[in-house]
Amino acid sequence: MWMKPVRRSVIEPADHPHGSPFHMKTYLILLSLNAALQAADPPASIVLWPNGAPGSEGKNTPEIVQTSASGEQRVSNIHQPSITPYLPAKDKASGAAVIVAPGGGHKMLCTTHEGSNVAEWLAAHGIAAFMLKYRLAEEPGSTYTVDRDAVGDMHRAIRLIRSRASEWGINPAAVGVMGFSAGGEVCAISSMNFDKGNPVAVEPLDRLSDRPDFQALIYPGRTVRIVPFKDSPPAFLAASANDRKDISEGLLKVYLDFKTAAVPVELHLYSSGDHGFGLRAGGAAPVNAWIDRFYEWLQDRKFLTPVK
């Protein structure tokens, strides 16, 4: 099942205005990807609960999509959480999968520079990517919570992808999460509160584990909530030193907490980039190479092993 969102007004440049440009290789990749997408239909989204998400009963109004003058999109009013697959060519598939959770302060989702741009880059590099639209806990009038609904959407997405791993050429033991800002908080909490699945559950998906195999937290919000323990998934962390204090300094503590818990962790703290750099076409600022470092980290952790 797929959904067609409602498009609304054009807005000023997106939620995180301080994104920096990145190196020419990534710029050219995004240009070619954008050209290909313009020539083809965009990927169709898959609703996580075809019969309606628990807690969203009676909420049937469509998503609101706003587009900036530069073409970046924000999405709000999400009541049917979904994933949008970006699958690599079969002959290039690495077997790994990443669920991408955009940020937006739990009021909206910045689905371009923290969503589709990232997913397209990953797919071009052999990694199956799935952009998650999760429910928003701090949108005006919201009845949702981060821990129950947004994290519940992430866990459901993990189980759904594992259930279709064979179809999509994915190693079910290499399904990770990546989140930006508020999306980073969702990823972190989903990597702390998980279960192995109930083998006698009525719902088939609930029989599968919802534990991520790795987590990439990119300038995650509310770092004080991140409490690693010995069974936490390995972590890749990235942010800017000139981000707000709870992130630029809070992430240092998170890194040390992962070390103390003996969980594999890697931290990249760039001197500039502010908050919300995401992935945008542009120049050659060092912060924009974070996604290359993430790819190298996946290689080092042996997550990029094609399914035979």
C-alpha atoms as a PDB file:
ATOM      1  CA  MET A   1       0.000   0.000   0.000  1.00  0.00           C
ATOM      2  CA  TRP A   2       1.352   3.440  -0.832  1.00  0.00           C
ATOM      3  CA  MET A   3       0.268   6.988  -0.093  1.00  0.00           C
ATOM      4  CA  LYS A   4       0.229  10.168  -2.158  1.00  0.00           C
ATOM      5  CA  PRO A   5       0.755  13.193   0.104  1.00  0.00           C
ATOM      6  CA  VAL A   6      -0.999  16.523  -0.227  1.00  0.00           C
ATOM      7  CA  ARG A   7       1.266  19.314  -1.408  1.00  0.00           C
ATOM      8  CA  ARG A   8       0.834  22.750   0.150  1.00  0.00           C
ATOM      9  CA  SER A   9       2.508  26.117  -0.037  1.00  0.00           C
ATOM     10  CA  VAL A  10       6.058  27.008  -0.973  1.00  0.00           C
ATOM     11  CA  ILE A  11       8.101  28.040   2.075  1.00  0.00           C
ATOM     12  CA  GLU A  12      11.419  29.645   2.790  1.00  0.00           C
ATOM     13  CA  PRO A  13      14.593  27.489   2.976  1.00  0.00           C
ATOM     14  CA  ALA A  14      14.205  24.458   5.184  1.00  0.00           C
ATOM     15  CA  ASP A  15      14.297  23.784   8.881  1.00  0.00           C
ATOM     16  CA  HIS A  16      18.077  23.628   9.171  1.00  0.00           C
ATOM     17  CA  PRO A  17      19.366  26.660   7.237  1.00  0.00           C
ATOM     18  CA  HIS A  18      23.031  26.262   8.039  1.00  0.00           C
ATOM     19  CA  GLY A  19      23.824  23.133   6.044  1.00  0.00           C
ATOM     20  CA  SER A  20      27.289  23.277   4.504  1.00  0.00           C
ATOM     21  CA  PRO A  21      28.309  22.235   0.973  1.00  0.00           C
ATOM     22  CA  PHE A  22      30.190  19.007   0.389  1.00  0.00           C
ATOM     23  CA  HIS A  23      32.860  17.552  -1.828  1.00  0.00           C
ATOM     24  CA  MET A  24      32.547  17.359  -5.608  1.00  0.00           C
ATOM     25  CA  LYS A  25      32.219  13.553  -5.802  1.00  0.00           C
ATOM     26  CA  THR A  26      29.103  13.525  -3.662  1.00  0.00           C
ATOM     27  CA  TYR A  27      27.806  16.622  -5.489  1.00  0.00           C
ATOM     28  CA  LEU A  28      28.058  14.872  -8.851  1.00  0.00           C
ATOM     29  CA  ILE A  29      26.402  11.736  -7.466  1.00  0.00           C
ATOM     30  CA  LEU A  30      23.439  13.749  -6.222  1.00  0.00           C
ATOM     31  CA  LEU A  31      23.163  15.606  -9.528  1.00  0.00           C
ATOM     32  CA  SER A  32      23.000  12.339 -11.473  1.00  0.00           C
ATOM     33  CA  LEU A  33      20.545  10.845  -8.991  1.00  0.00           C
ATOM     34  CA  ASN A  34      18.296  13.885  -9.187  1.00  0.00           C
ATOM     35  CA  ALA A  35      18.341  13.750 -12.972  1.00  0.00           C
ATOM     36  CA  ALA A  36      17.391  10.065 -12.908  1.00  0.00           C
ATOM     37  CA  LEU A  37      14.574  10.689 -10.453  1.00  0.00           C
ATOM     38  CA  GLN A  38      13.169  13.491 -12.591  1.00  0.00           C
ATOM     39  CA  ALA A  39      12.942  11.029 -15.463  1.00  0.00           C
ATOM     40  CA  ALA A  40      11.181   8.366 -13.396  1.00  0.00           C
ATOM     41  CA  ASP A  41       8.391   8.116 -10.889  1.00  0.00           C
ATOM     42  CA  PRO A  42       9.517   8.676  -7.278  1.00  0.00           C
ATOM     43  CA  PRO A  43       9.656   5.575  -5.067  1.00  0.00           C
ATOM     44  CA  ALA A  44       6.299   4.567  -3.605  1.00  0.00           C
ATOM     45  CA  SER A  45       5.980   4.531   0.169  1.00  0.00           C
ATOM     46  CA  ILE A  46       4.874   1.476   2.129  1.00  0.00           C
ATOM     47  CA  VAL A  47       2.488   2.005   5.025  1.00  0.00           C
ATOM     48  CA  LEU A  48       3.742   0.309   8.193  1.00  0.00           C
ATOM     49  CA  TRP A  49       0.257  -0.592   9.428  1.00  0.00           C
ATOM     50  CA  PRO A  50      -2.048  -1.149   6.397  1.00  0.00           C
ATOM     51  CA  ASN A  51      -5.087  -1.267   8.697  1.00  0.00           C
ATOM     52  CA  GLY A  52      -4.067   1.832  10.644  1.00  0.00           C
ATOM     53  CA  ALA A  53      -1.346   2.508  13.203  1.00  0.00           C
ATOM     54  CA  PRO A  54      -2.195   1.931  16.866  1.00  0.00           C
ATOM     55  CA  GLY A  55      -2.872   5.315  18.448  1.00  0.00           C
ATOM     56  CA  SER A  56      -3.878   6.902  15.122  1.00  0.00           C
ATOM     57  CA  GLU A  57      -7.454   5.691  15.094  1.00  0.00           C
ATOM     58  CA  GLY A  58      -9.799   8.219  13.529  1.00  0.00           C
ATOM     59  CA  LYS A  59      -6.981  10.409  12.188  1.00  0.00           C
ATOM     60  CA  ASN A  60      -7.445  10.398   8.436  1.00  0.00           C
ATOM     61  CA  THR A  61      -6.295  13.819   7.284  1.00  0.00           C
ATOM     62  CA  PRO A  62      -3.533  13.675   4.643  1.00  0.00           C
ATOM     63  CA  GLU A  63       0.101  14.593   5.103  1.00  0.00           C
ATOM     64  CA  ILE A  64       1.076  18.205   4.512  1.00  0.00           C
ATOM     65  CA  VAL A  65       4.089  18.687   2.239  1.00  0.00           C
ATOM     66  CA  GLN A  66       5.724  22.112   2.007  1.00  0.00           C
ATOM     67  CA  THR A  67       8.426  22.887  -0.535  1.00  0.00           C
ATOM     68  CA  SER A  68      11.074  25.595  -0.203  1.00  0.00           C
ATOM     69  CA  ALA A  69      12.261  27.837  -3.005  1.00  0.00           C
ATOM     70  CA  SER A  70      15.318  25.583  -3.314  1.00  0.00           C
ATOM     71  CA  GLY A  71      13.169  22.460  -3.660  1.00  0.00           C
ATOM     72  CA  GLU A  72      13.645  21.031  -0.159  1.00  0.00           C
ATOM     73  CA  GLN A  73      10.600  19.507   1.467  1.00  0.00           C
ATOM     74  CA  ARG A  74       9.065  19.400   4.935  1.00  0.00           C
ATOM     75  CA  VAL A  75       6.350  16.917   5.834  1.00  0.00           C
ATOM     76  CA  SER A  76       3.925  17.144   8.755  1.00  0.00           C
ATOM     77  CA  ASN A  77       0.527  15.788   9.859  1.00  0.00           C
ATOM     78  CA  ILE A  78       1.720  12.181   9.662  1.00  0.00           C
ATOM     79  CA  HIS A  79      -0.877   9.670  10.840  1.00  0.00           C
ATOM     80  CA  GLN A  80       0.033   6.735   8.578  1.00  0.00           C
ATOM     81  CA  PRO A  81       3.735   6.115   9.264  1.00  0.00           C
ATOM     82  CA  SER A  82       5.577   4.656   6.298  1.00  0.00           C
ATOM     83  CA  ILE A  83       8.891   3.761   4.739  1.00  0.00           C
ATOM     84  CA  THR A  84      10.031   4.732   1.248  1.00  0.00           C
ATOM     85  CA  PRO A  85      12.498   2.172  -0.204  1.00  0.00           C
ATOM     86  CA  TYR A  86      15.581   3.220  -2.146  1.00  0.00           C
ATOM     87  CA  LEU A  87      17.073  -0.059  -3.327  1.00  0.00           C
ATOM     88  CA  PRO A  88      20.480  -0.499  -4.971  1.00  0.00           C
ATOM     89  CA  ALA A  89      21.012  -2.335  -8.220  1.00  0.00           C
ATOM     90  CA  LYS A  90      21.096  -6.062  -7.477  1.00  0.00           C
ATOM     91  CA  ASP A  91      24.631  -6.455  -8.807  1.00  0.00           C
ATOM     92  CA  LYS A  92      25.849  -3.705  -6.425  1.00  0.00           C
ATOM     93  CA  ALA A  93      23.873  -4.631  -3.311  1.00  0.00           C
ATOM     94  CA  SER A  94      26.014  -4.905  -0.186  1.00  0.00           C
ATOM     95  CA  GLY A  95      23.385  -6.702   1.899  1.00  0.00           C
ATOM     96  CA  ALA A  96      23.164  -3.835   4.405  1.00  0.00           C
ATOM     97  CA  ALA A  97      20.053  -1.748   5.046  1.00  0.00           C
ATOM     98  CA  VAL A  98      19.677   1.645   6.721  1.00  0.00           C
ATOM     99  CA  ILE A  99      16.433   3.212   7.924  1.00  0.00           C
ATOM    100  CA  VAL A 100      16.828   6.986   7.591  1.00  0.00           C
ATOM    101  CA  ALA A 101      14.903   9.110  10.122  1.00  0.00           C
ATOM    102  CA  PRO A 102      14.819  12.827   9.203  1.00  0.00           C
ATOM    103  CA  GLY A 103      14.789  15.521  11.869  1.00  0.00           C
ATOM    104  CA  GLY A 104      12.550  18.504  12.390  1.00  0.00           C
ATOM    105  CA  GLY A 105      12.083  18.949  16.131  1.00  0.00           C
ATOM    106  CA  HIS A 106       9.258  16.363  16.255  1.00  0.00           C
ATOM    107  CA  LYS A 107       7.102  19.067  14.599  1.00  0.00           C
ATOM    108  CA  MET A 108       7.887  18.169  10.976  1.00  0.00           C
ATOM    109  CA  LEU A 109      10.248  16.005   8.962  1.00  0.00           C
ATOM    110  CA  CYS A 110      12.958  17.562   6.773  1.00  0.00           C
ATOM    111  CA  THR A 111      12.711  14.879   4.125  1.00  0.00           C
ATOM    112  CA  THR A 112      15.194  16.183   1.545  1.00  0.00           C
ATOM    113  CA  HIS A 113      18.612  16.965   3.059  1.00  0.00           C
ATOM    114  CA  GLU A 114      17.988  14.581   5.976  1.00  0.00           C
ATOM    115  CA  GLY A 115      15.979  12.032   4.023  1.00  0.00           C
ATOM    116  CA  SER A 116      15.872  11.394   0.300  1.00  0.00           C
ATOM    117  CA  ASN A 117      19.335  12.862  -0.425  1.00  0.00           C
ATOM    118  CA  VAL A 118      20.841  10.480   2.123  1.00  0.00           C
ATOM    119  CA  ALA A 119      18.794   7.497   0.963  1.00  0.00           C
ATOM    120  CA  GLU A 120      19.766   8.087  -2.673  1.00  0.00           C
ATOM    121  CA  TRP A 121      23.466   8.294  -1.760  1.00  0.00           C
ATOM    122  CA  LEU A 122      23.277   5.055   0.208  1.00  0.00           C
ATOM    123  CA  ALA A 123      21.459   3.214  -2.595  1.00  0.00           C
ATOM    124  CA  ALA A 124      24.056   4.445  -5.111  1.00  0.00           C
ATOM    125  CA  HIS A 125      26.701   2.864  -2.874  1.00  0.00           C
ATOM    126  CA  GLY A 126      25.006  -0.524  -2.631  1.00  0.00           C
ATOM    127  CA  ILE A 127      23.114   0.007   0.637  1.00  0.00           C
ATOM    128  CA  ALA A 128      19.342  -0.477   0.762  1.00  0.00           C
ATOM    129  CA  ALA A 129      17.869   2.670   2.304  1.00  0.00           C
ATOM    130  CA  PHE A 130      14.405   3.307   3.678  1.00  0.00           C
ATOM    131  CA  MET A 131      13.255   6.817   4.540  1.00  0.00           C
ATOM    132  CA  LEU A 132      10.982   6.672   7.564  1.00  0.00           C
ATOM    133  CA  LYS A 133       8.037   8.985   8.078  1.00  0.00           C
ATOM    134  CA  TYR A 134       7.310   8.687  11.779  1.00  0.00           C
ATOM    135  CA  ARG A 135       4.581  10.320  13.832  1.00  0.00           C
ATOM    136  CA  LEU A 136       5.319  13.723  15.337  1.00  0.00           C
ATOM    137  CA  ALA A 137       5.055  14.154  19.102  1.00  0.00           C
ATOM    138  CA  GLU A 138       5.449  17.952  19.297  1.00  0.00           C
ATOM    139  CA  GLU A 139       3.338  19.069  16.370  1.00  0.00           C
ATOM    140  CA  PRO A 140       0.549  21.410  17.550  1.00  0.00           C
ATOM    141  CA  GLY A 141      -2.354  19.333  18.872  1.00  0.00           C
ATOM    142  CA  SER A 142      -0.435  16.060  18.695  1.00  0.00           C
ATOM    143  CA  THR A 143      -1.522  13.134  20.851  1.00  0.00           C
ATOM    144  CA  TYR A 144       1.635  11.164  20.023  1.00  0.00           C
ATOM    145  CA  THR A 145       4.760  10.632  22.121  1.00  0.00           C
ATOM    146  CA  VAL A 146       8.343  10.033  21.032  1.00  0.00           C
ATOM    147  CA  ASP A 147       8.831   6.811  22.990  1.00  0.00           C
ATOM    148  CA  ARG A 148       5.496   5.186  22.226  1.00  0.00           C
ATOM    149  CA  ASP A 149       4.690   6.316  18.685  1.00  0.00           C
ATOM    150  CA  ALA A 150       7.814   7.602  16.900  1.00  0.00           C
ATOM    151  CA  VAL A 151       9.989   4.826  18.343  1.00  0.00           C
ATOM    152  CA  GLY A 152       7.156   2.352  17.763  1.00  0.00           C
ATOM    153  CA  ASP A 153       7.161   3.378  14.098  1.00  0.00           C
ATOM    154  CA  MET A 154      10.905   2.768  13.909  1.00  0.00           C
ATOM    155  CA  HIS A 155      10.616  -0.666  15.512  1.00  0.00           C
ATOM    156  CA  ARG A 156       7.798  -1.597  13.151  1.00  0.00           C
ATOM    157  CA  ALA A 157       9.940  -0.503  10.189  1.00  0.00           C
ATOM    158  CA  ILE A 158      12.840  -2.687  11.364  1.00  0.00           C
ATOM    159  CA  ARG A 159      10.579  -5.717  11.619  1.00  0.00           C
ATOM    160  CA  LEU A 160       8.959  -5.046   8.248  1.00  0.00           C
ATOM    161  CA  ILE A 161      12.335  -4.806   6.514  1.00  0.00           C
ATOM    162  CA  ARG A 162      13.555  -8.008   8.165  1.00  0.00           C
ATOM    163  CA  SER A 163      10.355  -9.751   7.027  1.00  0.00           C
ATOM    164  CA  ARG A 164      11.141  -8.815   3.408  1.00  0.00           C
ATOM    165  CA  ALA A 165      14.931  -9.157   3.598  1.00  0.00           C
ATOM    166  CA  SER A 166      15.111 -11.994   1.084  1.00  0.00           C
ATOM    167  CA  GLU A 167      12.958 -10.099  -1.414  1.00  0.00           C
ATOM    168  CA  TRP A 168      15.122  -6.979  -1.127  1.00  0.00           C
ATOM    169  CA  GLY A 169      18.532  -8.702  -1.007  1.00  0.00           C
ATOM    170  CA  ILE A 170      19.179  -7.677   2.592  1.00  0.00           C
ATOM    171  CA  ASN A 171      21.060  -9.481   5.340  1.00  0.00           C
ATOM    172  CA  PRO A 172      18.559  -9.452   8.254  1.00  0.00           C
ATOM    173  CA  ALA A 173      21.551  -9.173  10.612  1.00  0.00           C
ATOM    174  CA  ALA A 174      22.693  -5.924   8.957  1.00  0.00           C
ATOM    175  CA  VAL A 175      19.640  -3.685   9.393  1.00  0.00           C
ATOM    176  CA  GLY A 176      20.610  -0.389  11.020  1.00  0.00           C
ATOM    177  CA  VAL A 177      19.151   3.018  11.768  1.00  0.00           C
ATOM    178  CA  MET A 178      20.352   6.538  10.993  1.00  0.00           C
ATOM    179  CA  GLY A 179      18.764   9.652  12.413  1.00  0.00           C
ATOM    180  CA  PHE A 180      19.278  13.400  12.239  1.00  0.00           C
ATOM    181  CA  SER A 181      18.492  15.747  15.150  1.00  0.00           C
ATOM    182  CA  ALA A 182      15.056  14.631  16.423  1.00  0.00           C
ATOM    183  CA  GLY A 183      15.378  11.586  14.181  1.00  0.00           C
ATOM    184  CA  GLY A 184      18.646  10.824  15.963  1.00  0.00           C
ATOM    185  CA  GLU A 185      16.747  10.766  19.240  1.00  0.00           C
ATOM    186  CA  VAL A 186      14.258   8.290  17.744  1.00  0.00           C
ATOM    187  CA  CYS A 187      17.135   6.080  16.572  1.00  0.00           C
ATOM    188  CA  ALA A 188      18.912   6.254  19.922  1.00  0.00           C
ATOM    189  CA  ILE A 189      15.822   5.321  21.932  1.00  0.00           C
ATOM    190  CA  SER A 190      14.934   2.523  19.503  1.00  0.00           C
ATOM    191  CA  SER A 191      18.485   1.210  20.041  1.00  0.00           C
ATOM    192  CA  MET A 192      18.005   1.219  23.820  1.00  0.00           C
ATOM    193  CA  ASN A 193      14.450  -0.137  24.171  1.00  0.00           C
ATOM    194  CA  PHE A 194      14.017  -3.174  21.950  1.00  0.00           C
ATOM    195  CA  ASP A 195      12.967  -6.815  22.155  1.00  0.00           C
ATOM    196  CA  LYS A 196      13.813 -10.038  20.375  1.00  0.00           C
ATOM    197  CA  GLY A 197      10.258 -10.658  19.229  1.00  0.00           C
ATOM    198  CA  ASN A 198       7.563 -12.976  20.507  1.00  0.00           C
ATOM    199  CA  PRO A 199       7.671 -16.356  18.703  1.00  0.00           C
ATOM    200  CA  VAL A 200       3.993 -17.010  19.478  1.00  0.00           C
ATOM    201  CA  ALA A 201       2.680 -13.537  18.580  1.00  0.00           C
ATOM    202  CA  VAL A 202      -0.483 -13.417  16.477  1.00  0.00           C
ATOM    203  CA  GLU A 203       0.975 -10.691  14.232  1.00  0.00           C
ATOM    204  CA  PRO A 204       3.819 -12.284  12.171  1.00  0.00           C
ATOM    205  CA  LEU A 205       5.957  -9.141  12.273  1.00  0.00           C
ATOM    206  CA  ASP A 206       5.876  -9.170  16.082  1.00  0.00           C
ATOM    207  CA  ARG A 207       7.721 -12.489  16.025  1.00  0.00           C
ATOM    208  CA  LEU A 208      10.810 -10.728  14.649  1.00  0.00           C
ATOM    209  CA  SER A 209      13.424  -8.760  16.577  1.00  0.00           C
ATOM    210  CA  ASP A 210      13.167  -4.961  16.455  1.00  0.00           C
ATOM    211  CA  ARG A 211      16.751  -4.390  17.649  1.00  0.00           C
ATOM    212  CA  PRO A 212      18.837  -2.358  15.169  1.00  0.00           C
ATOM    213  CA  ASP A 213      22.139  -3.982  14.232  1.00  0.00           C
ATOM    214  CA  PHE A 214      23.883  -0.589  14.245  1.00  0.00           C
ATOM    215  CA  GLN A 215      22.998   3.046  14.844  1.00  0.00           C
ATOM    216  CA  ALA A 216      24.206   6.244  13.200  1.00  0.00           C
ATOM    217  CA  LEU A 217      23.355   9.301  15.289  1.00  0.00           C
ATOM    218  CA  ILE A 218      23.948  12.512  13.318  1.00  0.00           C
ATOM    219  CA  TYR A 219      23.724  15.599  15.581  1.00  0.00           C
ATOM    220  CA  PRO A 220      21.090  13.762  17.661  1.00  0.00           C
ATOM    221  CA  GLY A 221      18.697  15.730  19.849  1.00  0.00           C
ATOM    222  CA  ARG A 222      18.389  15.300  23.622  1.00  0.00           C
ATOM    223  CA  THR A 223      21.732  13.555  24.043  1.00  0.00           C
ATOM    224  CA  VAL A 224      21.090  13.374  27.784  1.00  0.00           C
ATOM    225  CA  ARG A 225      18.620  10.591  27.010  1.00  0.00           C
ATOM    226  CA  ILE A 226      21.234   8.393  25.324  1.00  0.00           C
ATOM    227  CA  VAL A 227      22.370   5.768  27.844  1.00  0.00           C
ATOM    228  CA  PRO A 228      24.448   2.981  26.244  1.00  0.00           C
ATOM    229  CA  PHE A 229      24.688  -0.467  27.835  1.00  0.00           C
ATOM    230  CA  LYS A 230      26.561  -3.631  26.950  1.00  0.00           C
ATOM    231  CA  ASP A 231      23.949  -4.885  24.472  1.00  0.00           C
ATOM    232  CA  SER A 232      23.626  -1.559  22.628  1.00  0.00           C
ATOM    233  CA  PRO A 233      24.192  -1.724  18.861  1.00  0.00           C
ATOM    234  CA  PRO A 234      27.534  -0.343  17.601  1.00  0.00           C
ATOM    235  CA  ALA A 235      27.348   3.415  17.082  1.00  0.00           C
ATOM    236  CA  PHE A 236      28.585   5.968  14.561  1.00  0.00           C
ATOM    237  CA  LEU A 237      28.361   9.548  15.851  1.00  0.00           C
ATOM    238  CA  ALA A 238      28.799  12.817  13.950  1.00  0.00           C
ATOM    239  CA  ALA A 239      28.191  16.492  14.705  1.00  0.00           C
ATOM    240  CA  SER A 240      29.720  19.962  14.485  1.00  0.00           C
ATOM    241  CA  ALA A 241      31.713  21.621  17.271  1.00  0.00           C
ATOM    242  CA  ASN A 242      29.726  24.821  16.672  1.00  0.00           C
ATOM    243  CA  ASP A 243      26.375  23.099  17.128  1.00  0.00           C
ATOM    244  CA  ARG A 244      24.435  23.896  20.300  1.00  0.00           C
ATOM    245  CA  LYS A 245      26.067  22.815  23.547  1.00  0.00           C
ATOM    246  CA  ASP A 246      23.851  19.830  24.345  1.00  0.00           C
ATOM    247  CA  ILE A 247      24.974  18.264  21.062  1.00  0.00           C
ATOM    248  CA  SER A 248      28.543  19.505  20.522  1.00  0.00           C
ATOM    249  CA  GLU A 249      29.514  18.683  24.124  1.00  0.00           C
ATOM    250  CA  GLY A 250      26.781  16.186  24.960  1.00  0.00           C
ATOM    251  CA  LEU A 251      27.884  13.873  22.172  1.00  0.00           C
ATOM    252  CA  LEU A 252      31.360  13.707  23.695  1.00  0.00           C
ATOM    253  CA  LYS A 253      29.848  12.295  26.873  1.00  0.00           C
ATOM    254  CA  VAL A 254      27.754   9.871  24.829  1.00  0.00           C
ATOM    255  CA  TYR A 255      30.935   8.675  23.104  1.00  0.00           C
ATOM    256  CA  LEU A 256      32.625   8.059  26.448  1.00  0.00           C
ATOM    257  CA  ASP A 257      29.524   6.276  27.740  1.00  0.00           C
ATOM    258  CA  PHE A 258      29.659   3.897  24.783  1.00  0.00           C
ATOM    259  CA  LYS A 259      33.324   3.286  25.561  1.00  0.00           C
ATOM    260  CA  THR A 260      32.533   2.583  29.205  1.00  0.00           C
ATOM    261  CA  ALA A 261      29.823   0.116  28.151  1.00  0.00           C
ATOM    262  CA  ALA A 262      32.367  -1.606  25.843  1.00  0.00           C
ATOM    263  CA  VAL A 263      30.208  -0.931  22.766  1.00  0.00           C
ATOM    264  CA  PRO A 264      32.067  -0.255  19.486  1.00  0.00           C
ATOM    265  CA  VAL A 265      31.766   3.462  18.713  1.00  0.00           C
ATOM    266  CA  GLU A 266      33.238   6.050  16.359  1.00  0.00           C
ATOM    267  CA  LEU A 267      32.894   9.824  16.734  1.00  0.00           C
ATOM    268  CA  HIS A 268      33.442  12.583  14.161  1.00  0.00           C
ATOM    269  CA  LEU A 269      33.224  16.100  15.570  1.00  0.00           C
ATOM    270  CA  TYR A 270      33.830  18.692  12.853  1.00  0.00           C
ATOM    271  CA  SER A 271      35.003  22.237  13.575  1.00  0.00           C
ATOM    272  CA  SER A 272      32.162  23.810  11.571  1.00  0.00           C
ATOM    273  CA  GLY A 273      28.815  22.897  10.089  1.00  0.00           C
ATOM    274  CA  ASP A 274      26.383  24.185  12.721  1.00  0.00           C
ATOM    275  CA  HIS A 275      23.152  22.216  13.183  1.00  0.00           C
ATOM    276  CA  GLY A 276      21.359  20.465  10.362  1.00  0.00           C
ATOM    277  CA  PHE A 277      24.114  20.080   7.756  1.00  0.00           C
ATOM    278  CA  GLY A 278      22.557  16.837   6.512  1.00  0.00           C
ATOM    279  CA  LEU A 279      23.478  16.068   2.906  1.00  0.00           C
ATOM    280  CA  ARG A 280      23.289  18.821   0.301  1.00  0.00           C
ATOM    281  CA  ALA A 281      24.992  19.494  -3.014  1.00  0.00           C
ATOM    282  CA  GLY A 282      27.678  22.166  -2.841  1.00  0.00           C
ATOM    283  CA  GLY A 283      31.389  22.555  -2.210  1.00  0.00           C
ATOM    284  CA  ALA A 284      34.073  20.851  -0.156  1.00  0.00           C
ATOM    285  CA  ALA A 285      33.615  21.587   3.570  1.00  0.00           C
ATOM    286  CA  PRO A 286      35.053  18.720   5.666  1.00  0.00           C
ATOM    287  CA  VAL A 287      31.748  18.176   7.523  1.00  0.00           C
ATOM    288  CA  ASN A 288      30.128  17.045   4.300  1.00  0.00           C
ATOM    289  CA  ALA A 289      32.387  14.005   4.090  1.00  0.00           C
ATOM    290  CA  TRP A 290      30.663  12.469   7.131  1.00  0.00           C
ATOM    291  CA  ILE A 291      28.711  10.058   4.925  1.00  0.00           C
ATOM    292  CA  ASP A 292      31.943   8.747   3.380  1.00  0.00           C
ATOM    293  CA  ARG A 293      33.251   8.121   6.890  1.00  0.00           C
ATOM    294  CA  PHE A 294      30.007   6.307   7.704  1.00  0.00           C
ATOM    295  CA  TYR A 295      30.451   4.058   4.660  1.00  0.00           C
ATOM    296  CA  GLU A 296      34.022   3.275   5.728  1.00  0.00           C
ATOM    297  CA  TRP A 297      32.758   2.504   9.228  1.00  0.00           C
ATOM    298  CA  LEU A 298      30.244   0.001   7.827  1.00  0.00           C
ATOM    299  CA  GLN A 299      33.079  -1.618   5.906  1.00  0.00           C
ATOM    300  CA  ASP A 300      35.255  -1.768   9.000  1.00  0.00           C
ATOM    301  CA  ARG A 301      32.418  -3.298  11.048  1.00  0.00           C
ATOM    302  CA  LYS A 302      31.877  -5.958   8.319  1.00  0.00           C
ATOM    303  CA  PHE A 303      28.269  -4.974   7.614  1.00  0.00           C
ATOM    304  CA  LEU A 304      28.811  -4.730   3.858  1.00  0.00           C
ATOM    305  CA  THR A 305      28.685  -8.391   2.871  1.00  0.00           C
ATOM    306  CA  PRO A 306      26.498  -9.191  -0.146  1.00  0.00           C
ATOM    307  CA  VAL A 307      23.778 -11.782   0.366  1.00  0.00           C
ATOM    308  CA  LYS A 308      24.489 -14.949  -1.644  1.00  0.00           C
END
